Amino acid sequence: MPTLSGPELDKMREDLIVWYTTTKQYLIDVLTERYPYGSTPLTTDEQVQQYLSMTPEDWQMLIGKLEERFRGMPDAQEKVQQQLNNYIKSMDKMRLRRQGWYGYSNP
């Protein structure tokens, strides 16, 4: 019966990590294609109102969900920060559009 040496096990471990993170990211992308998994579709006004009324506890819950989503990935904290920044930018754009500002200045 063949035995596996340390370098072979290390290679298998690295291959498994790559497979795991690739598969997990693929599933996240597929499940959140239209809406974040487990969320309820809201109108633009409802999304902006929810964003504007977030408490510190709501922010912590959102960050916790993002940390759980990217748990086990080598760059998890960077992904959490990126998703959080994307959410803030997206909500700010919606808020400005709702107020009638589209990014154009009048001469």
PDB file of N, CA and C in Angstrom:
ATOM      1  N   MET A   1       0.838  -1.172   0.000  1.00  0.00           N
ATOM      2  CA  MET A   1       0.000   0.000   0.000  1.00  0.00           C
ATOM      3  C   MET A   1       0.894   1.249   0.000  1.00  0.00           C
ATOM      4  N   PRO A   2       0.683   2.153  -0.971  1.00  0.00           N
ATOM      5  CA  PRO A   2       1.540   3.340  -1.036  1.00  0.00           C
ATOM      6  C   PRO A   2       1.238   4.311   0.106  1.00  0.00           C
ATOM      7  N   THR A   3       2.273   4.993   0.540  1.00  0.00           N
ATOM      8  CA  THR A   3       2.094   6.000   1.586  1.00  0.00           C
ATOM      9  C   THR A   3       2.332   7.376   0.989  1.00  0.00           C
ATOM     10  N   LEU A   4       1.746   8.347   1.615  1.00  0.00           N
ATOM     11  CA  LEU A   4       1.909   9.735   1.163  1.00  0.00           C
ATOM     12  C   LEU A   4       2.965  10.405   2.023  1.00  0.00           C
ATOM     13  N   SER A   5       3.846  11.120   1.373  1.00  0.00           N
ATOM     14  CA  SER A   5       4.889  11.820   2.108  1.00  0.00           C
ATOM     15  C   SER A   5       4.406  13.227   2.485  1.00  0.00           C
ATOM     16  N   GLY A   6       5.191  13.910   3.271  1.00  0.00           N
ATOM     17  CA  GLY A   6       4.854  15.268   3.694  1.00  0.00           C
ATOM     18  C   GLY A   6       4.626  16.216   2.533  1.00  0.00           C
ATOM     19  N   PRO A   7       5.543  16.245   1.542  1.00  0.00           N
ATOM     20  CA  PRO A   7       5.333  17.152   0.412  1.00  0.00           C
ATOM     21  C   PRO A   7       4.069  16.823  -0.392  1.00  0.00           C
ATOM     22  N   GLU A   8       3.744  15.547  -0.520  1.00  0.00           N
ATOM     23  CA  GLU A   8       2.526  15.166  -1.249  1.00  0.00           C
ATOM     24  C   GLU A   8       1.278  15.629  -0.493  1.00  0.00           C
ATOM     25  N   LEU A   9       1.305  15.469   0.822  1.00  0.00           N
ATOM     26  CA  LEU A   9       0.171  15.934   1.631  1.00  0.00           C
ATOM     27  C   LEU A   9       0.049  17.459   1.575  1.00  0.00           C
ATOM     28  N   ASP A  10       1.186  18.150   1.604  1.00  0.00           N
ATOM     29  CA  ASP A  10       1.162  19.609   1.506  1.00  0.00           C
ATOM     30  C   ASP A  10       0.562  20.054   0.177  1.00  0.00           C
ATOM     31  N   LYS A  11       0.926  19.379  -0.907  1.00  0.00           N
ATOM     32  CA  LYS A  11       0.388  19.705  -2.232  1.00  0.00           C
ATOM     33  C   LYS A  11      -1.116  19.458  -2.271  1.00  0.00           C
ATOM     34  N   MET A  12      -1.542  18.320  -1.703  1.00  0.00           N
ATOM     35  CA  MET A  12      -2.982  18.021  -1.652  1.00  0.00           C
ATOM     36  C   MET A  12      -3.724  19.086  -0.850  1.00  0.00           C
ATOM     37  N   ARG A  13      -3.140  19.521   0.261  1.00  0.00           N
ATOM     38  CA  ARG A  13      -3.757  20.549   1.107  1.00  0.00           C
ATOM     39  C   ARG A  13      -3.919  21.857   0.319  1.00  0.00           C
ATOM     40  N   GLU A  14      -2.868  22.267  -0.382  1.00  0.00           N
ATOM     41  CA  GLU A  14      -2.930  23.497  -1.166  1.00  0.00           C
ATOM     42  C   GLU A  14      -3.982  23.392  -2.278  1.00  0.00           C
ATOM     43  N   ASP A  15      -4.037  22.243  -2.945  1.00  0.00           N
ATOM     44  CA  ASP A  15      -5.043  22.028  -3.996  1.00  0.00           C
ATOM     45  C   ASP A  15      -6.453  22.097  -3.425  1.00  0.00           C
ATOM     46  N   LEU A  16      -6.637  21.521  -2.248  1.00  0.00           N
ATOM     47  CA  LEU A  16      -7.955  21.535  -1.610  1.00  0.00           C
ATOM     48  C   LEU A  16      -8.363  22.950  -1.214  1.00  0.00           C
ATOM     49  N   ILE A  17      -7.422  23.739  -0.718  1.00  0.00           N
ATOM     50  CA  ILE A  17      -7.723  25.134  -0.351  1.00  0.00           C
ATOM     51  C   ILE A  17      -8.147  25.920  -1.583  1.00  0.00           C
ATOM     52  N   VAL A  18      -7.428  25.741  -2.688  1.00  0.00           N
ATOM     53  CA  VAL A  18      -7.772  26.440  -3.926  1.00  0.00           C
ATOM     54  C   VAL A  18      -9.157  26.011  -4.402  1.00  0.00           C
ATOM     55  N   TRP A  19      -9.425  24.720  -4.375  1.00  0.00           N
ATOM     56  CA  TRP A  19     -10.741  24.217  -4.807  1.00  0.00           C
ATOM     57  C   TRP A  19     -11.840  24.780  -3.912  1.00  0.00           C
ATOM     58  N   TYR A  20     -11.625  24.759  -2.602  1.00  0.00           N
ATOM     59  CA  TYR A  20     -12.629  25.234  -1.653  1.00  0.00           C
ATOM     60  C   TYR A  20     -12.954  26.708  -1.874  1.00  0.00           C
ATOM     61  N   THR A  21     -11.924  27.535  -1.963  1.00  0.00           N
ATOM     62  CA  THR A  21     -12.181  28.968  -2.109  1.00  0.00           C
ATOM     63  C   THR A  21     -12.802  29.292  -3.464  1.00  0.00           C
ATOM     64  N   THR A  22     -12.386  28.604  -4.511  1.00  0.00           N
ATOM     65  CA  THR A  22     -12.963  28.828  -5.833  1.00  0.00           C
ATOM     66  C   THR A  22     -14.431  28.418  -5.863  1.00  0.00           C
ATOM     67  N   THR A  23     -14.722  27.260  -5.312  1.00  0.00           N
ATOM     68  CA  THR A  23     -16.103  26.762  -5.286  1.00  0.00           C
ATOM     69  C   THR A  23     -16.985  27.650  -4.417  1.00  0.00           C
ATOM     70  N   LYS A  24     -16.475  28.055  -3.259  1.00  0.00           N
ATOM     71  CA  LYS A  24     -17.253  28.914  -2.367  1.00  0.00           C
ATOM     72  C   LYS A  24     -17.564  30.248  -3.040  1.00  0.00           C
ATOM     73  N   GLN A  25     -16.587  30.852  -3.704  1.00  0.00           N
ATOM     74  CA  GLN A  25     -16.818  32.123  -4.380  1.00  0.00           C
ATOM     75  C   GLN A  25     -17.827  31.961  -5.510  1.00  0.00           C
ATOM     76  N   TYR A  26     -17.736  30.861  -6.237  1.00  0.00           N
ATOM     77  CA  TYR A  26     -18.697  30.593  -7.310  1.00  0.00           C
ATOM     78  C   TYR A  26     -20.118  30.496  -6.742  1.00  0.00           C
ATOM     79  N   LEU A  27     -20.290  29.764  -5.661  1.00  0.00           N
ATOM     80  CA  LEU A  27     -21.619  29.622  -5.053  1.00  0.00           C
ATOM     81  C   LEU A  27     -22.137  30.954  -4.523  1.00  0.00           C
ATOM     82  N   ILE A  28     -21.271  31.753  -3.926  1.00  0.00           N
ATOM     83  CA  ILE A  28     -21.683  33.079  -3.456  1.00  0.00           C
ATOM     84  C   ILE A  28     -22.171  33.916  -4.628  1.00  0.00           C
ATOM     85  N   ASP A  29     -21.415  33.899  -5.715  1.00  0.00           N
ATOM     86  CA  ASP A  29     -21.796  34.683  -6.894  1.00  0.00           C
ATOM     87  C   ASP A  29     -23.124  34.229  -7.469  1.00  0.00           C
ATOM     88  N   VAL A  30     -23.336  32.925  -7.538  1.00  0.00           N
ATOM     89  CA  VAL A  30     -24.579  32.391  -8.106  1.00  0.00           C
ATOM     90  C   VAL A  30     -25.761  32.706  -7.194  1.00  0.00           C
ATOM     91  N   LEU A  31     -25.595  32.519  -5.903  1.00  0.00           N
ATOM     92  CA  LEU A  31     -26.704  32.731  -4.971  1.00  0.00           C
ATOM     93  C   LEU A  31     -27.055  34.203  -4.786  1.00  0.00           C
ATOM     94  N   THR A  32     -26.114  35.081  -5.005  1.00  0.00           N
ATOM     95  CA  THR A  32     -26.380  36.507  -4.816  1.00  0.00           C
ATOM     96  C   THR A  32     -26.481  37.246  -6.145  1.00  0.00           C
ATOM     97  N   GLU A  33     -26.719  36.508  -7.202  1.00  0.00           N
ATOM     98  CA  GLU A  33     -26.754  37.109  -8.536  1.00  0.00           C
ATOM     99  C   GLU A  33     -27.734  38.270  -8.619  1.00  0.00           C
ATOM    100  N   ARG A  34     -28.925  38.086  -8.134  1.00  0.00           N
ATOM    101  CA  ARG A  34     -29.929  39.135  -8.228  1.00  0.00           C
ATOM    102  C   ARG A  34     -30.119  39.871  -6.899  1.00  0.00           C
ATOM    103  N   TYR A  35     -30.198  39.143  -5.821  1.00  0.00           N
ATOM    104  CA  TYR A  35     -30.370  39.717  -4.486  1.00  0.00           C
ATOM    105  C   TYR A  35     -29.476  38.941  -3.528  1.00  0.00           C
ATOM    106  N   PRO A  36     -29.021  39.591  -2.466  1.00  0.00           N
ATOM    107  CA  PRO A  36     -28.268  38.841  -1.463  1.00  0.00           C
ATOM    108  C   PRO A  36     -29.102  37.667  -0.947  1.00  0.00           C
ATOM    109  N   TYR A  37     -28.456  36.537  -0.760  1.00  0.00           N
ATOM    110  CA  TYR A  37     -29.135  35.325  -0.328  1.00  0.00           C
ATOM    111  C   TYR A  37     -29.935  35.573   0.944  1.00  0.00           C
ATOM    112  N   GLY A  38     -31.175  35.169   0.923  1.00  0.00           N
ATOM    113  CA  GLY A  38     -32.034  35.306   2.089  1.00  0.00           C
ATOM    114  C   GLY A  38     -32.673  36.673   2.235  1.00  0.00           C
ATOM    115  N   SER A  39     -32.459  37.554   1.271  1.00  0.00           N
ATOM    116  CA  SER A  39     -33.032  38.891   1.386  1.00  0.00           C
ATOM    117  C   SER A  39     -34.383  38.954   0.679  1.00  0.00           C
ATOM    118  N   THR A  40     -35.112  39.998   1.006  1.00  0.00           N
ATOM    119  CA  THR A  40     -36.397  40.258   0.374  1.00  0.00           C
ATOM    120  C   THR A  40     -36.226  41.439  -0.561  1.00  0.00           C
ATOM    121  N   PRO A  41     -36.697  41.313  -1.797  1.00  0.00           N
ATOM    122  CA  PRO A  41     -36.568  42.446  -2.717  1.00  0.00           C
ATOM    123  C   PRO A  41     -37.292  43.678  -2.173  1.00  0.00           C
ATOM    124  N   LEU A  42     -36.614  44.817  -2.215  1.00  0.00           N
ATOM    125  CA  LEU A  42     -37.196  46.076  -1.758  1.00  0.00           C
ATOM    126  C   LEU A  42     -37.154  47.079  -2.899  1.00  0.00           C
ATOM    127  N   THR A  43     -38.063  48.036  -2.856  1.00  0.00           N
ATOM    128  CA  THR A  43     -38.022  49.116  -3.844  1.00  0.00           C
ATOM    129  C   THR A  43     -36.804  49.989  -3.531  1.00  0.00           C
ATOM    130  N   THR A  44     -36.451  50.857  -4.460  1.00  0.00           N
ATOM    131  CA  THR A  44     -35.324  51.758  -4.253  1.00  0.00           C
ATOM    132  C   THR A  44     -35.550  52.629  -3.025  1.00  0.00           C
ATOM    133  N   ASP A  45     -36.766  53.173  -2.895  1.00  0.00           N
ATOM    134  CA  ASP A  45     -37.067  54.013  -1.729  1.00  0.00           C
ATOM    135  C   ASP A  45     -36.936  53.228  -0.425  1.00  0.00           C
ATOM    136  N   GLU A  46     -37.413  51.996  -0.418  1.00  0.00           N
ATOM    137  CA  GLU A  46     -37.316  51.167   0.789  1.00  0.00           C
ATOM    138  C   GLU A  46     -35.856  50.859   1.125  1.00  0.00           C
ATOM    139  N   GLN A  47     -35.043  50.595   0.099  1.00  0.00           N
ATOM    140  CA  GLN A  47     -33.620  50.317   0.332  1.00  0.00           C
ATOM    141  C   GLN A  47     -32.917  51.536   0.920  1.00  0.00           C
ATOM    142  N   VAL A  48     -33.191  52.703   0.353  1.00  0.00           N
ATOM    143  CA  VAL A  48     -32.555  53.925   0.844  1.00  0.00           C
ATOM    144  C   VAL A  48     -33.008  54.224   2.264  1.00  0.00           C
ATOM    145  N   GLN A  49     -34.287  54.082   2.523  1.00  0.00           N
ATOM    146  CA  GLN A  49     -34.803  54.345   3.872  1.00  0.00           C
ATOM    147  C   GLN A  49     -34.183  53.385   4.890  1.00  0.00           C
ATOM    148  N   GLN A  50     -34.060  52.125   4.516  1.00  0.00           N
ATOM    149  CA  GLN A  50     -33.447  51.139   5.402  1.00  0.00           C
ATOM    150  C   GLN A  50     -31.975  51.503   5.656  1.00  0.00           C
ATOM    151  N   TYR A  51     -31.274  51.910   4.609  1.00  0.00           N
ATOM    152  CA  TYR A  51     -29.871  52.301   4.725  1.00  0.00           C
ATOM    153  C   TYR A  51     -29.715  53.512   5.646  1.00  0.00           C
ATOM    154  N   LEU A  52     -30.552  54.527   5.454  1.00  0.00           N
ATOM    155  CA  LEU A  52     -30.447  55.750   6.245  1.00  0.00           C
ATOM    156  C   LEU A  52     -30.809  55.544   7.709  1.00  0.00           C
ATOM    157  N   SER A  53     -31.605  54.517   7.992  1.00  0.00           N
ATOM    158  CA  SER A  53     -32.030  54.298   9.371  1.00  0.00           C
ATOM    159  C   SER A  53     -31.227  53.199  10.075  1.00  0.00           C
ATOM    160  N   MET A  54     -30.102  52.781   9.482  1.00  0.00           N
ATOM    161  CA  MET A  54     -29.295  51.731  10.106  1.00  0.00           C
ATOM    162  C   MET A  54     -28.656  52.225  11.398  1.00  0.00           C
ATOM    163  N   THR A  55     -28.743  51.398  12.407  1.00  0.00           N
ATOM    164  CA  THR A  55     -28.140  51.689  13.708  1.00  0.00           C
ATOM    165  C   THR A  55     -26.745  51.051  13.752  1.00  0.00           C
ATOM    166  N   PRO A  56     -25.929  51.398  14.745  1.00  0.00           N
ATOM    167  CA  PRO A  56     -24.632  50.720  14.875  1.00  0.00           C
ATOM    168  C   PRO A  56     -24.772  49.188  14.976  1.00  0.00           C
ATOM    169  N   GLU A  57     -25.838  48.746  15.608  1.00  0.00           N
ATOM    170  CA  GLU A  57     -26.073  47.299  15.705  1.00  0.00           C
ATOM    171  C   GLU A  57     -26.369  46.700  14.325  1.00  0.00           C
ATOM    172  N   ASP A  58     -27.110  47.433  13.495  1.00  0.00           N
ATOM    173  CA  ASP A  58     -27.396  46.972  12.132  1.00  0.00           C
ATOM    174  C   ASP A  58     -26.103  46.849  11.324  1.00  0.00           C
ATOM    175  N   TRP A  59     -25.215  47.837  11.490  1.00  0.00           N
ATOM    176  CA  TRP A  59     -23.930  47.797  10.787  1.00  0.00           C
ATOM    177  C   TRP A  59     -23.103  46.601  11.241  1.00  0.00           C
ATOM    178  N   GLN A  60     -23.105  46.343  12.534  1.00  0.00           N
ATOM    179  CA  GLN A  60     -22.359  45.194  13.049  1.00  0.00           C
ATOM    180  C   GLN A  60     -22.935  43.881  12.521  1.00  0.00           C
ATOM    181  N   MET A  61     -24.264  43.805  12.424  1.00  0.00           N
ATOM    182  CA  MET A  61     -24.896  42.605  11.892  1.00  0.00           C
ATOM    183  C   MET A  61     -24.528  42.413  10.418  1.00  0.00           C
ATOM    184  N   LEU A  62     -24.529  43.502   9.655  1.00  0.00           N
ATOM    185  CA  LEU A  62     -24.157  43.431   8.251  1.00  0.00           C
ATOM    186  C   LEU A  62     -22.709  42.964   8.103  1.00  0.00           C
ATOM    187  N   ILE A  63     -21.819  43.534   8.884  1.00  0.00           N
ATOM    188  CA  ILE A  63     -20.413  43.132   8.838  1.00  0.00           C
ATOM    189  C   ILE A  63     -20.268  41.664   9.236  1.00  0.00           C
ATOM    190  N   GLY A  64     -21.015  41.233  10.230  1.00  0.00           N
ATOM    191  CA  GLY A  64     -20.982  39.827  10.646  1.00  0.00           C
ATOM    192  C   GLY A  64     -21.424  38.888   9.537  1.00  0.00           C
ATOM    193  N   LYS A  65     -22.480  39.274   8.808  1.00  0.00           N
ATOM    194  CA  LYS A  65     -22.944  38.455   7.689  1.00  0.00           C
ATOM    195  C   LYS A  65     -21.883  38.378   6.596  1.00  0.00           C
ATOM    196  N   LEU A  66     -21.232  39.504   6.328  1.00  0.00           N
ATOM    197  CA  LEU A  66     -20.174  39.509   5.313  1.00  0.00           C
ATOM    198  C   LEU A  66     -18.985  38.666   5.758  1.00  0.00           C
ATOM    199  N   GLU A  67     -18.627  38.749   7.034  1.00  0.00           N
ATOM    200  CA  GLU A  67     -17.526  37.928   7.547  1.00  0.00           C
ATOM    201  C   GLU A  67     -17.860  36.445   7.442  1.00  0.00           C
ATOM    202  N   GLU A  68     -19.086  36.091   7.716  1.00  0.00           N
ATOM    203  CA  GLU A  68     -19.506  34.693   7.594  1.00  0.00           C
ATOM    204  C   GLU A  68     -19.461  34.247   6.138  1.00  0.00           C
ATOM    205  N   ARG A  69     -19.869  35.126   5.243  1.00  0.00           N
ATOM    206  CA  ARG A  69     -19.882  34.803   3.814  1.00  0.00           C
ATOM    207  C   ARG A  69     -18.485  34.464   3.312  1.00  0.00           C
ATOM    208  N   PHE A  70     -17.487  35.208   3.763  1.00  0.00           N
ATOM    209  CA  PHE A  70     -16.131  35.027   3.248  1.00  0.00           C
ATOM    210  C   PHE A  70     -15.224  34.252   4.203  1.00  0.00           C
ATOM    211  N   ARG A  71     -15.808  33.644   5.233  1.00  0.00           N
ATOM    212  CA  ARG A  71     -15.028  32.877   6.201  1.00  0.00           C
ATOM    213  C   ARG A  71     -14.263  31.758   5.499  1.00  0.00           C
ATOM    214  N   GLY A  72     -13.013  31.589   5.863  1.00  0.00           N
ATOM    215  CA  GLY A  72     -12.196  30.522   5.301  1.00  0.00           C
ATOM    216  C   GLY A  72     -11.431  30.919   4.056  1.00  0.00           C
ATOM    217  N   MET A  73     -11.717  32.081   3.518  1.00  0.00           N
ATOM    218  CA  MET A  73     -10.991  32.536   2.337  1.00  0.00           C
ATOM    219  C   MET A  73      -9.742  33.285   2.778  1.00  0.00           C
ATOM    220  N   PRO A  74      -8.663  33.155   2.003  1.00  0.00           N
ATOM    221  CA  PRO A  74      -7.406  33.778   2.428  1.00  0.00           C
ATOM    222  C   PRO A  74      -7.482  35.301   2.551  1.00  0.00           C
ATOM    223  N   ASP A  75      -8.278  35.955   1.743  1.00  0.00           N
ATOM    224  CA  ASP A  75      -8.376  37.420   1.767  1.00  0.00           C
ATOM    225  C   ASP A  75      -9.755  37.857   2.267  1.00  0.00           C
ATOM    226  N   ALA A  76     -10.246  37.193   3.288  1.00  0.00           N
ATOM    227  CA  ALA A  76     -11.611  37.420   3.770  1.00  0.00           C
ATOM    228  C   ALA A  76     -11.841  38.862   4.213  1.00  0.00           C
ATOM    229  N   GLN A  77     -10.927  39.428   4.987  1.00  0.00           N
ATOM    230  CA  GLN A  77     -11.133  40.793   5.490  1.00  0.00           C
ATOM    231  C   GLN A  77     -11.161  41.820   4.365  1.00  0.00           C
ATOM    232  N   GLU A  78     -10.324  41.610   3.347  1.00  0.00           N
ATOM    233  CA  GLU A  78     -10.333  42.526   2.208  1.00  0.00           C
ATOM    234  C   GLU A  78     -11.658  42.431   1.458  1.00  0.00           C
ATOM    235  N   LYS A  79     -12.183  41.224   1.311  1.00  0.00           N
ATOM    236  CA  LYS A  79     -13.465  41.034   0.624  1.00  0.00           C
ATOM    237  C   LYS A  79     -14.605  41.661   1.417  1.00  0.00           C
ATOM    238  N   VAL A  80     -14.577  41.514   2.738  1.00  0.00           N
ATOM    239  CA  VAL A  80     -15.598  42.136   3.586  1.00  0.00           C
ATOM    240  C   VAL A  80     -15.564  43.644   3.409  1.00  0.00           C
ATOM    241  N   GLN A  81     -14.377  44.227   3.469  1.00  0.00           N
ATOM    242  CA  GLN A  81     -14.236  45.678   3.332  1.00  0.00           C
ATOM    243  C   GLN A  81     -14.694  46.141   1.956  1.00  0.00           C
ATOM    244  N   GLN A  82     -14.343  45.384   0.921  1.00  0.00           N
ATOM    245  CA  GLN A  82     -14.745  45.731  -0.443  1.00  0.00           C
ATOM    246  C   GLN A  82     -16.262  45.688  -0.598  1.00  0.00           C
ATOM    247  N   GLN A  83     -16.893  44.642  -0.083  1.00  0.00           N
ATOM    248  CA  GLN A  83     -18.346  44.532  -0.172  1.00  0.00           C
ATOM    249  C   GLN A  83     -19.030  45.643   0.611  1.00  0.00           C
ATOM    250  N   LEU A  84     -18.501  45.974   1.767  1.00  0.00           N
ATOM    251  CA  LEU A  84     -19.068  47.048   2.583  1.00  0.00           C
ATOM    252  C   LEU A  84     -18.953  48.388   1.848  1.00  0.00           C
ATOM    253  N   ASN A  85     -17.799  48.655   1.260  1.00  0.00           N
ATOM    254  CA  ASN A  85     -17.614  49.892   0.498  1.00  0.00           C
ATOM    255  C   ASN A  85     -18.544  49.938  -0.713  1.00  0.00           C
ATOM    256  N   ASN A  86     -18.691  48.817  -1.409  1.00  0.00           N
ATOM    257  CA  ASN A  86     -19.603  48.758  -2.559  1.00  0.00           C
ATOM    258  C   ASN A  86     -21.041  49.040  -2.140  1.00  0.00           C
ATOM    259  N   TYR A  87     -21.448  48.493  -0.998  1.00  0.00           N
ATOM    260  CA  TYR A  87     -22.803  48.712  -0.490  1.00  0.00           C
ATOM    261  C   TYR A  87     -23.020  50.199  -0.186  1.00  0.00           C
ATOM    262  N   ILE A  88     -22.062  50.811   0.482  1.00  0.00           N
ATOM    263  CA  ILE A  88     -22.193  52.228   0.847  1.00  0.00           C
ATOM    264  C   ILE A  88     -22.263  53.094  -0.406  1.00  0.00           C
ATOM    265  N   LYS A  89     -21.392  52.842  -1.372  1.00  0.00           N
ATOM    266  CA  LYS A  89     -21.408  53.608  -2.624  1.00  0.00           C
ATOM    267  C   LYS A  89     -22.731  53.443  -3.360  1.00  0.00           C
ATOM    268  N   SER A  90     -23.214  52.216  -3.419  1.00  0.00           N
ATOM    269  CA  SER A  90     -24.468  51.937  -4.113  1.00  0.00           C
ATOM    270  C   SER A  90     -25.642  52.651  -3.442  1.00  0.00           C
ATOM    271  N   MET A  91     -25.689  52.601  -2.127  1.00  0.00           N
ATOM    272  CA  MET A  91     -26.780  53.256  -1.398  1.00  0.00           C
ATOM    273  C   MET A  91     -26.695  54.771  -1.524  1.00  0.00           C
ATOM    274  N   ASP A  92     -25.488  55.313  -1.501  1.00  0.00           N
ATOM    275  CA  ASP A  92     -25.340  56.761  -1.664  1.00  0.00           C
ATOM    276  C   ASP A  92     -25.791  57.214  -3.051  1.00  0.00           C
ATOM    277  N   LYS A  93     -25.463  56.434  -4.075  1.00  0.00           N
ATOM    278  CA  LYS A  93     -25.927  56.761  -5.428  1.00  0.00           C
ATOM    279  C   LYS A  93     -27.450  56.735  -5.500  1.00  0.00           C
ATOM    280  N   MET A  94     -28.063  55.701  -4.913  1.00  0.00           N
ATOM    281  CA  MET A  94     -29.528  55.620  -4.905  1.00  0.00           C
ATOM    282  C   MET A  94     -30.132  56.800  -4.172  1.00  0.00           C
ATOM    283  N   ARG A  95     -29.523  57.179  -3.059  1.00  0.00           N
ATOM    284  CA  ARG A  95     -30.034  58.296  -2.266  1.00  0.00           C
ATOM    285  C   ARG A  95     -29.967  59.593  -3.064  1.00  0.00           C
ATOM    286  N   LEU A  96     -28.852  59.812  -3.753  1.00  0.00           N
ATOM    287  CA  LEU A  96     -28.709  61.038  -4.534  1.00  0.00           C
ATOM    288  C   LEU A  96     -29.682  61.066  -5.713  1.00  0.00           C
ATOM    289  N   ARG A  97     -29.870  59.936  -6.369  1.00  0.00           N
ATOM    290  CA  ARG A  97     -30.833  59.879  -7.475  1.00  0.00           C
ATOM    291  C   ARG A  97     -32.245  60.134  -6.966  1.00  0.00           C
ATOM    292  N   ARG A  98     -32.544  59.593  -5.809  1.00  0.00           N
ATOM    293  CA  ARG A  98     -33.862  59.784  -5.210  1.00  0.00           C
ATOM    294  C   ARG A  98     -34.107  61.260  -4.914  1.00  0.00           C
ATOM    295  N   GLN A  99     -33.041  61.979  -4.588  1.00  0.00           N
ATOM    296  CA  GLN A  99     -33.165  63.406  -4.288  1.00  0.00           C
ATOM    297  C   GLN A  99     -33.127  64.258  -5.549  1.00  0.00           C
ATOM    298  N   GLY A 100     -32.939  63.624  -6.703  1.00  0.00           N
ATOM    299  CA  GLY A 100     -32.955  64.364  -7.956  1.00  0.00           C
ATOM    300  C   GLY A 100     -31.606  64.833  -8.431  1.00  0.00           C
ATOM    301  N   TRP A 101     -30.527  64.392  -7.820  1.00  0.00           N
ATOM    302  CA  TRP A 101     -29.191  64.777  -8.244  1.00  0.00           C
ATOM    303  C   TRP A 101     -28.590  63.629  -9.029  1.00  0.00           C
ATOM    304  N   TYR A 102     -28.189  63.876 -10.265  1.00  0.00           N
ATOM    305  CA  TYR A 102     -27.691  62.815 -11.135  1.00  0.00           C
ATOM    306  C   TYR A 102     -26.226  62.958 -11.473  1.00  0.00           C
ATOM    307  N   GLY A 103     -25.533  63.832 -10.802  1.00  0.00           N
ATOM    308  CA  GLY A 103     -24.113  63.976 -11.055  1.00  0.00           C
ATOM    309  C   GLY A 103     -23.772  65.009 -12.112  1.00  0.00           C
ATOM    310  N   TYR A 104     -24.753  65.787 -12.521  1.00  0.00           N
ATOM    311  CA  TYR A 104     -24.519  66.820 -13.516  1.00  0.00           C
ATOM    312  C   TYR A 104     -24.571  68.182 -12.836  1.00  0.00           C
ATOM    313  N   SER A 105     -23.678  69.047 -13.215  1.00  0.00           N
ATOM    314  CA  SER A 105     -23.742  70.401 -12.672  1.00  0.00           C
ATOM    315  C   SER A 105     -24.326  71.336 -13.725  1.00  0.00           C
ATOM    316  N   ASN A 106     -25.098  72.273 -13.288  1.00  0.00           N
ATOM    317  CA  ASN A 106     -25.684  73.253 -14.191  1.00  0.00           C
ATOM    318  C   ASN A 106     -24.684  74.380 -14.401  1.00  0.00           C
ATOM    319  N   PRO A 107     -24.497  74.804 -15.658  1.00  0.00           N
ATOM    320  CA  PRO A 107     -23.553  75.895 -15.921  1.00  0.00           C
ATOM    321  C   PRO A 107     -24.060  77.218 -15.407  1.00  0.00           C
TER     322      PRO A 107
END
